[in-house]
């Protein structure tokens, strides 16, 4: 097992986008490392990529939701006039 007492093991430059919670991301990666106990550097890299993918997916969902709300607001305003 690669894990040592010096968590985190992941590349700390792999942080979420500006405005996202870096600490939340780091905790998520740490939890995945603890859960899956990576045996190799490749295992650790795959965990990092999974965490980054999850953050991107959540970012996409937030963006879609914001765009849908904006469109709904615009169409409501147009119908009121």
PDB file of N, CA and C in Angstrom:
ATOM      1  N   UNK A   1       0.838  -1.182   0.000  1.00  0.00           N
ATOM      2  CA  UNK A   1       0.000   0.000   0.000  1.00  0.00           C
ATOM      3  C   UNK A   1       0.879   1.241   0.000  1.00  0.00           C
ATOM      4  N   UNK A   2       0.497   2.241  -0.786  1.00  0.00           N
ATOM      5  CA  UNK A   2       1.259   3.467  -0.903  1.00  0.00           C
ATOM      6  C   UNK A   2       0.983   4.421   0.254  1.00  0.00           C
ATOM      7  N   UNK A   3      -0.166   4.344   0.845  1.00  0.00           N
ATOM      8  CA  UNK A   3      -0.536   5.302   1.883  1.00  0.00           C
ATOM      9  C   UNK A   3       0.479   5.335   3.012  1.00  0.00           C
ATOM     10  N   UNK A   4       0.761   6.532   3.446  1.00  0.00           N
ATOM     11  CA  UNK A   4       1.627   6.739   4.601  1.00  0.00           C
ATOM     12  C   UNK A   4       0.910   7.671   5.551  1.00  0.00           C
ATOM     13  N   UNK A   5       1.575   8.039   6.588  1.00  0.00           N
ATOM     14  CA  UNK A   5       0.979   8.978   7.525  1.00  0.00           C
ATOM     15  C   UNK A   5       0.924  10.387   6.969  1.00  0.00           C
ATOM     16  N   UNK A   6       1.523  10.599   5.824  1.00  0.00           N
ATOM     17  CA  UNK A   6       1.606  11.952   5.277  1.00  0.00           C
ATOM     18  C   UNK A   6       0.551  12.193   4.198  1.00  0.00           C
ATOM     19  N   UNK A   7      -0.721  11.955   4.506  1.00  0.00           N
ATOM     20  CA  UNK A   7      -1.768  12.321   3.561  1.00  0.00           C
ATOM     21  C   UNK A   7      -1.721  13.823   3.381  1.00  0.00           C
ATOM     22  N   UNK A   8      -1.982  14.391   2.271  1.00  0.00           N
ATOM     23  CA  UNK A   8      -2.465  13.757   1.062  1.00  0.00           C
ATOM     24  C   UNK A   8      -1.346  13.246   0.177  1.00  0.00           C
ATOM     25  N   UNK A   9      -1.640  12.234  -0.610  1.00  0.00           N
ATOM     26  CA  UNK A   9      -0.690  11.667  -1.554  1.00  0.00           C
ATOM     27  C   UNK A   9      -0.902  12.181  -2.960  1.00  0.00           C
ATOM     28  N   UNK A  10      -2.079  12.755  -3.217  1.00  0.00           N
ATOM     29  CA  UNK A  10      -2.411  13.157  -4.560  1.00  0.00           C
ATOM     30  C   UNK A  10      -1.709  14.450  -4.938  1.00  0.00           C
ATOM     31  N   UNK A  11      -1.769  14.741  -6.198  1.00  0.00           N
ATOM     32  CA  UNK A  11      -1.181  15.950  -6.754  1.00  0.00           C
ATOM     33  C   UNK A  11      -2.010  17.139  -6.304  1.00  0.00           C
ATOM     34  N   UNK A  12      -1.489  17.920  -5.397  1.00  0.00           N
ATOM     35  CA  UNK A  12      -2.263  19.024  -4.837  1.00  0.00           C
ATOM     36  C   UNK A  12      -2.500  20.143  -5.848  1.00  0.00           C
ATOM     37  N   UNK A  13      -1.875  20.073  -7.007  1.00  0.00           N
ATOM     38  CA  UNK A  13      -2.167  21.067  -8.040  1.00  0.00           C
ATOM     39  C   UNK A  13      -3.460  20.720  -8.755  1.00  0.00           C
ATOM     40  N   UNK A  14      -3.972  19.518  -8.555  1.00  0.00           N
ATOM     41  CA  UNK A  14      -5.226  19.103  -9.177  1.00  0.00           C
ATOM     42  C   UNK A  14      -6.377  19.604  -8.316  1.00  0.00           C
ATOM     43  N   UNK A  15      -6.599  20.889  -8.389  1.00  0.00           N
ATOM     44  CA  UNK A  15      -7.635  21.517  -7.581  1.00  0.00           C
ATOM     45  C   UNK A  15      -8.838  21.859  -8.438  1.00  0.00           C
ATOM     46  N   UNK A  16      -9.977  22.061  -7.797  1.00  0.00           N
ATOM     47  CA  UNK A  16     -11.170  22.440  -8.549  1.00  0.00           C
ATOM     48  C   UNK A  16     -11.029  23.838  -9.144  1.00  0.00           C
ATOM     49  N   UNK A  17     -11.988  24.208  -9.964  1.00  0.00           N
ATOM     50  CA  UNK A  17     -11.982  25.513 -10.621  1.00  0.00           C
ATOM     51  C   UNK A  17     -12.139  26.634  -9.598  1.00  0.00           C
ATOM     52  N   UNK A  18     -11.790  27.832 -10.021  1.00  0.00           N
ATOM     53  CA  UNK A  18     -11.932  29.008  -9.167  1.00  0.00           C
ATOM     54  C   UNK A  18     -13.378  29.121  -8.708  1.00  0.00           C
ATOM     55  N   UNK A  19     -13.558  29.397  -7.442  1.00  0.00           N
ATOM     56  CA  UNK A  19     -14.903  29.527  -6.891  1.00  0.00           C
ATOM     57  C   UNK A  19     -15.437  28.230  -6.295  1.00  0.00           C
ATOM     58  N   UNK A  20     -14.737  27.129  -6.524  1.00  0.00           N
ATOM     59  CA  UNK A  20     -15.162  25.862  -5.929  1.00  0.00           C
ATOM     60  C   UNK A  20     -14.366  25.628  -4.649  1.00  0.00           C
ATOM     61  N   UNK A  21     -14.865  24.798  -3.818  1.00  0.00           N
ATOM     62  CA  UNK A  21     -14.279  24.559  -2.504  1.00  0.00           C
ATOM     63  C   UNK A  21     -13.110  23.578  -2.609  1.00  0.00           C
ATOM     64  N   UNK A  22     -11.884  24.097  -2.524  1.00  0.00           N
ATOM     65  CA  UNK A  22     -10.683  23.265  -2.633  1.00  0.00           C
ATOM     66  C   UNK A  22     -10.597  22.276  -1.474  1.00  0.00           C
ATOM     67  N   UNK A  23     -10.976  22.707  -0.278  1.00  0.00           N
ATOM     68  CA  UNK A  23     -10.917  21.813   0.878  1.00  0.00           C
ATOM     69  C   UNK A  23     -11.889  20.645   0.708  1.00  0.00           C
ATOM     70  N   UNK A  24     -13.066  20.919   0.204  1.00  0.00           N
ATOM     71  CA  UNK A  24     -14.045  19.855  -0.047  1.00  0.00           C
ATOM     72  C   UNK A  24     -13.484  18.852  -1.045  1.00  0.00           C
ATOM     73  N   UNK A  25     -12.853  19.357  -2.104  1.00  0.00           N
ATOM     74  CA  UNK A  25     -12.245  18.495  -3.107  1.00  0.00           C
ATOM     75  C   UNK A  25     -11.138  17.639  -2.488  1.00  0.00           C
ATOM     76  N   UNK A  26     -10.273  18.249  -1.704  1.00  0.00           N
ATOM     77  CA  UNK A  26      -9.175  17.508  -1.070  1.00  0.00           C
ATOM     78  C   UNK A  26      -9.701  16.430  -0.131  1.00  0.00           C
ATOM     79  N   UNK A  27     -10.753  16.741   0.605  1.00  0.00           N
ATOM     80  CA  UNK A  27     -11.358  15.734   1.497  1.00  0.00           C
ATOM     81  C   UNK A  27     -11.950  14.584   0.690  1.00  0.00           C
ATOM     82  N   UNK A  28     -12.577  14.919  -0.432  1.00  0.00           N
ATOM     83  CA  UNK A  28     -13.168  13.901  -1.290  1.00  0.00           C
ATOM     84  C   UNK A  28     -12.085  12.959  -1.807  1.00  0.00           C
ATOM     85  N   UNK A  29     -10.975  13.523  -2.288  1.00  0.00           N
ATOM     86  CA  UNK A  29      -9.866  12.693  -2.775  1.00  0.00           C
ATOM     87  C   UNK A  29      -9.307  11.848  -1.638  1.00  0.00           C
ATOM     88  N   UNK A  30      -9.107  12.442  -0.481  1.00  0.00           N
ATOM     89  CA  UNK A  30      -8.591  11.699   0.668  1.00  0.00           C
ATOM     90  C   UNK A  30      -9.512  10.537   1.019  1.00  0.00           C
ATOM     91  N   UNK A  31     -10.808  10.799   1.045  1.00  0.00           N
ATOM     92  CA  UNK A  31     -11.768   9.735   1.365  1.00  0.00           C
ATOM     93  C   UNK A  31     -11.728   8.607   0.342  1.00  0.00           C
ATOM     94  N   UNK A  32     -11.584   8.965  -0.925  1.00  0.00           N
ATOM     95  CA  UNK A  32     -11.485   7.930  -1.962  1.00  0.00           C
ATOM     96  C   UNK A  32     -10.202   7.119  -1.795  1.00  0.00           C
ATOM     97  N   UNK A  33      -9.112   7.779  -1.465  1.00  0.00           N
ATOM     98  CA  UNK A  33      -7.844   7.073  -1.244  1.00  0.00           C
ATOM     99  C   UNK A  33      -7.968   6.119  -0.072  1.00  0.00           C
ATOM    100  N   UNK A  34      -8.585   6.567   0.994  1.00  0.00           N
ATOM    101  CA  UNK A  34      -8.769   5.703   2.157  1.00  0.00           C
ATOM    102  C   UNK A  34      -9.682   4.522   1.814  1.00  0.00           C
ATOM    103  N   UNK A  35     -10.762   4.800   1.084  1.00  0.00           N
ATOM    104  CA  UNK A  35     -11.711   3.742   0.739  1.00  0.00           C
ATOM    105  C   UNK A  35     -11.112   2.702  -0.206  1.00  0.00           C
ATOM    106  N   UNK A  36     -10.419   3.146  -1.240  1.00  0.00           N
ATOM    107  CA  UNK A  36      -9.949   2.223  -2.271  1.00  0.00           C
ATOM    108  C   UNK A  36      -8.522   1.728  -2.071  1.00  0.00           C
ATOM    109  N   UNK A  37      -7.791   2.315  -1.141  1.00  0.00           N
ATOM    110  CA  UNK A  37      -6.434   1.871  -0.803  1.00  0.00           C
ATOM    111  C   UNK A  37      -5.588   1.603  -2.053  1.00  0.00           C
ATOM    112  N   UNK A  38      -5.257   2.657  -2.804  1.00  0.00           N
ATOM    113  CA  UNK A  38      -4.486   2.446  -4.031  1.00  0.00           C
ATOM    114  C   UNK A  38      -3.149   1.772  -3.749  1.00  0.00           C
ATOM    115  N   UNK A  39      -2.782   0.855  -4.628  1.00  0.00           N
ATOM    116  CA  UNK A  39      -1.548   0.084  -4.465  1.00  0.00           C
ATOM    117  C   UNK A  39      -0.407   0.630  -5.313  1.00  0.00           C
ATOM    118  N   UNK A  40      -0.746   1.406  -6.325  1.00  0.00           N
ATOM    119  CA  UNK A  40       0.274   1.911  -7.249  1.00  0.00           C
ATOM    120  C   UNK A  40       0.017   3.388  -7.516  1.00  0.00           C
ATOM    121  N   UNK A  41       0.990   4.014  -8.154  1.00  0.00           N
ATOM    122  CA  UNK A  41       0.825   5.411  -8.559  1.00  0.00           C
ATOM    123  C   UNK A  41      -0.322   5.539  -9.559  1.00  0.00           C
ATOM    124  N   UNK A  42      -0.480   4.526 -10.404  1.00  0.00           N
ATOM    125  CA  UNK A  42      -1.573   4.539 -11.385  1.00  0.00           C
ATOM    126  C   UNK A  42      -2.917   4.499 -10.674  1.00  0.00           C
ATOM    127  N   UNK A  43      -3.036   3.669  -9.653  1.00  0.00           N
ATOM    128  CA  UNK A  43      -4.281   3.620  -8.873  1.00  0.00           C
ATOM    129  C   UNK A  43      -4.597   4.998  -8.293  1.00  0.00           C
ATOM    130  N   UNK A  44      -3.600   5.648  -7.739  1.00  0.00           N
ATOM    131  CA  UNK A  44      -3.786   6.969  -7.141  1.00  0.00           C
ATOM    132  C   UNK A  44      -4.195   7.978  -8.207  1.00  0.00           C
ATOM    133  N   UNK A  45      -3.560   7.913  -9.376  1.00  0.00           N
ATOM    134  CA  UNK A  45      -3.892   8.811 -10.470  1.00  0.00           C
ATOM    135  C   UNK A  45      -5.349   8.614 -10.910  1.00  0.00           C
ATOM    136  N   UNK A  46      -5.784   7.364 -10.981  1.00  0.00           N
ATOM    137  CA  UNK A  46      -7.164   7.087 -11.386  1.00  0.00           C
ATOM    138  C   UNK A  46      -8.158   7.639 -10.371  1.00  0.00           C
ATOM    139  N   UNK A  47      -7.818   7.567  -9.100  1.00  0.00           N
ATOM    140  CA  UNK A  47      -8.679   8.141  -8.062  1.00  0.00           C
ATOM    141  C   UNK A  47      -8.757   9.651  -8.227  1.00  0.00           C
ATOM    142  N   UNK A  48      -7.615  10.290  -8.464  1.00  0.00           N
ATOM    143  CA  UNK A  48      -7.599  11.742  -8.692  1.00  0.00           C
ATOM    144  C   UNK A  48      -8.478  12.105  -9.883  1.00  0.00           C
ATOM    145  N   UNK A  49      -8.342  11.354 -10.964  1.00  0.00           N
ATOM    146  CA  UNK A  49      -9.124  11.638 -12.172  1.00  0.00           C
ATOM    147  C   UNK A  49     -10.615  11.439 -11.921  1.00  0.00           C
ATOM    148  N   UNK A  50     -10.966  10.423 -11.158  1.00  0.00           N
ATOM    149  CA  UNK A  50     -12.377  10.195 -10.831  1.00  0.00           C
ATOM    150  C   UNK A  50     -12.927  11.366 -10.019  1.00  0.00           C
ATOM    151  N   UNK A  51     -12.141  11.842  -9.065  1.00  0.00           N
ATOM    152  CA  UNK A  51     -12.569  12.977  -8.240  1.00  0.00           C
ATOM    153  C   UNK A  51     -12.725  14.238  -9.091  1.00  0.00           C
ATOM    154  N   UNK A  52     -11.766  14.487  -9.976  1.00  0.00           N
ATOM    155  CA  UNK A  52     -11.858  15.662 -10.847  1.00  0.00           C
ATOM    156  C   UNK A  52     -13.065  15.542 -11.787  1.00  0.00           C
ATOM    157  N   UNK A  53     -13.312  14.343 -12.291  1.00  0.00           N
ATOM    158  CA  UNK A  53     -14.469  14.128 -13.155  1.00  0.00           C
ATOM    159  C   UNK A  53     -15.767  14.391 -12.425  1.00  0.00           C
ATOM    160  N   UNK A  54     -15.824  13.960 -11.188  1.00  0.00           N
ATOM    161  CA  UNK A  54     -17.036  14.183 -10.377  1.00  0.00           C
ATOM    162  C   UNK A  54     -17.267  15.664 -10.137  1.00  0.00           C
ATOM    163  N   UNK A  55     -16.186  16.397  -9.845  1.00  0.00           N
ATOM    164  CA  UNK A  55     -16.308  17.837  -9.634  1.00  0.00           C
ATOM    165  C   UNK A  55     -16.772  18.530 -10.924  1.00  0.00           C
ATOM    166  N   UNK A  56     -16.240  18.088 -12.058  1.00  0.00           N
ATOM    167  CA  UNK A  56     -16.648  18.675 -13.334  1.00  0.00           C
ATOM    168  C   UNK A  56     -18.124  18.399 -13.615  1.00  0.00           C
ATOM    169  N   UNK A  57     -18.555  17.191 -13.297  1.00  0.00           N
ATOM    170  CA  UNK A  57     -19.951  16.836 -13.510  1.00  0.00           C
ATOM    171  C   UNK A  57     -20.859  17.715 -12.651  1.00  0.00           C
ATOM    172  N   UNK A  58     -20.492  17.927 -11.405  1.00  0.00           N
ATOM    173  CA  UNK A  58     -21.284  18.802 -10.530  1.00  0.00           C
ATOM    174  C   UNK A  58     -21.280  20.239 -11.058  1.00  0.00           C
ATOM    175  N   UNK A  59     -20.138  20.689 -11.567  1.00  0.00           N
ATOM    176  CA  UNK A  59     -20.047  22.032 -12.148  1.00  0.00           C
ATOM    177  C   UNK A  59     -20.994  22.145 -13.344  1.00  0.00           C
ATOM    178  N   UNK A  60     -21.015  21.114 -14.184  1.00  0.00           N
ATOM    179  CA  UNK A  60     -21.904  21.106 -15.338  1.00  0.00           C
ATOM    180  C   UNK A  60     -23.363  21.158 -14.897  1.00  0.00           C
ATOM    181  N   UNK A  61     -23.727  20.377 -13.896  1.00  0.00           N
ATOM    182  CA  UNK A  61     -25.104  20.392 -13.399  1.00  0.00           C
ATOM    183  C   UNK A  61     -25.487  21.763 -12.869  1.00  0.00           C
ATOM    184  N   UNK A  62     -24.569  22.407 -12.133  1.00  0.00           N
ATOM    185  CA  UNK A  62     -24.860  23.746 -11.617  1.00  0.00           C
ATOM    186  C   UNK A  62     -25.033  24.738 -12.768  1.00  0.00           C
ATOM    187  N   UNK A  63     -24.194  24.612 -13.786  1.00  0.00           N
ATOM    188  CA  UNK A  63     -24.284  25.513 -14.938  1.00  0.00           C
ATOM    189  C   UNK A  63     -25.596  25.300 -15.682  1.00  0.00           C
ATOM    190  N   UNK A  64     -25.952  24.054 -15.923  1.00  0.00           N
ATOM    191  CA  UNK A  64     -27.221  23.756 -16.605  1.00  0.00           C
ATOM    192  C   UNK A  64     -28.403  24.302 -15.818  1.00  0.00           C
ATOM    193  N   UNK A  65     -28.364  24.133 -14.525  1.00  0.00           N
ATOM    194  CA  UNK A  65     -29.448  24.616 -13.683  1.00  0.00           C
ATOM    195  C   UNK A  65     -29.556  26.140 -13.740  1.00  0.00           C
ATOM    196  N   UNK A  66     -28.405  26.817 -13.671  1.00  0.00           N
ATOM    197  CA  UNK A  66     -28.403  28.282 -13.735  1.00  0.00           C
ATOM    198  C   UNK A  66     -28.929  28.768 -15.082  1.00  0.00           C
ATOM    199  N   UNK A  67     -28.512  28.112 -16.166  1.00  0.00           N
ATOM    200  CA  UNK A  67     -28.989  28.510 -17.494  1.00  0.00           C
ATOM    201  C   UNK A  67     -30.491  28.276 -17.634  1.00  0.00           C
ATOM    202  N   UNK A  68     -30.965  27.170 -17.124  1.00  0.00           N
ATOM    203  CA  UNK A  68     -32.397  26.876 -17.198  1.00  0.00           C
ATOM    204  C   UNK A  68     -33.190  27.901 -16.381  1.00  0.00           C
ATOM    205  N   UNK A  69     -32.690  28.247 -15.211  1.00  0.00           N
ATOM    206  CA  UNK A  69     -33.374  29.247 -14.382  1.00  0.00           C
ATOM    207  C   UNK A  69     -33.405  30.593 -15.091  1.00  0.00           C
ATOM    208  N   UNK A  70     -32.282  30.963 -15.736  1.00  0.00           N
ATOM    209  CA  UNK A  70     -32.221  32.236 -16.448  1.00  0.00           C
ATOM    210  C   UNK A  70     -33.221  32.260 -17.599  1.00  0.00           C
ATOM    211  N   UNK A  71     -33.286  31.171 -18.354  1.00  0.00           N
ATOM    212  CA  UNK A  71     -34.234  31.104 -19.469  1.00  0.00           C
ATOM    213  C   UNK A  71     -35.673  31.160 -18.968  1.00  0.00           C
ATOM    214  N   UNK A  72     -35.944  30.463 -17.900  1.00  0.00           N
ATOM    215  CA  UNK A  72     -37.288  30.475 -17.332  1.00  0.00           C
ATOM    216  C   UNK A  72     -37.660  31.881 -16.884  1.00  0.00           C
ATOM    217  N   UNK A  73     -36.715  32.561 -16.262  1.00  0.00           N
ATOM    218  CA  UNK A  73     -36.956  33.931 -15.814  1.00  0.00           C
ATOM    219  C   UNK A  73     -37.205  34.851 -17.003  1.00  0.00           C
ATOM    220  N   UNK A  74     -36.407  34.702 -18.064  1.00  0.00           N
ATOM    221  CA  UNK A  74     -36.593  35.533 -19.262  1.00  0.00           C
ATOM    222  C   UNK A  74     -37.943  35.284 -19.909  1.00  0.00           C
ATOM    223  N   UNK A  75     -38.317  34.020 -20.041  1.00  0.00           N
ATOM    224  CA  UNK A  75     -39.588  33.707 -20.706  1.00  0.00           C
ATOM    225  C   UNK A  75     -40.765  34.176 -19.861  1.00  0.00           C
ATOM    226  N   UNK A  76     -40.631  34.121 -18.543  1.00  0.00           N
ATOM    227  CA  UNK A  76     -41.695  34.597 -17.663  1.00  0.00           C
ATOM    228  C   UNK A  76     -41.860  36.103 -17.815  1.00  0.00           C
ATOM    229  N   UNK A  77     -40.748  36.833 -17.882  1.00  0.00           N
ATOM    230  CA  UNK A  77     -40.804  38.280 -18.045  1.00  0.00           C
ATOM    231  C   UNK A  77     -41.417  38.667 -19.389  1.00  0.00           C
ATOM    232  N   UNK A  78     -41.101  37.922 -20.449  1.00  0.00           N
ATOM    233  CA  UNK A  78     -41.652  38.201 -21.764  1.00  0.00           C
ATOM    234  C   UNK A  78     -43.166  37.982 -21.770  1.00  0.00           C
ATOM    235  N   UNK A  79     -43.633  36.963 -21.077  1.00  0.00           N
ATOM    236  CA  UNK A  79     -45.062  36.655 -21.046  1.00  0.00           C
ATOM    237  C   UNK A  79     -45.843  37.665 -20.220  1.00  0.00           C
ATOM    238  N   UNK A  80     -45.196  38.323 -19.280  1.00  0.00           N
ATOM    239  CA  UNK A  80     -45.871  39.303 -18.430  1.00  0.00           C
ATOM    240  C   UNK A  80     -46.114  40.595 -19.188  1.00  0.00           C
ATOM    241  N   UNK A  81     -45.236  40.924 -20.122  1.00  0.00           N
ATOM    242  CA  UNK A  81     -45.359  42.194 -20.875  1.00  0.00           C
ATOM    243  C   UNK A  81     -46.466  42.168 -21.835  1.00  0.00           C
TER     244      UNK A  81
END
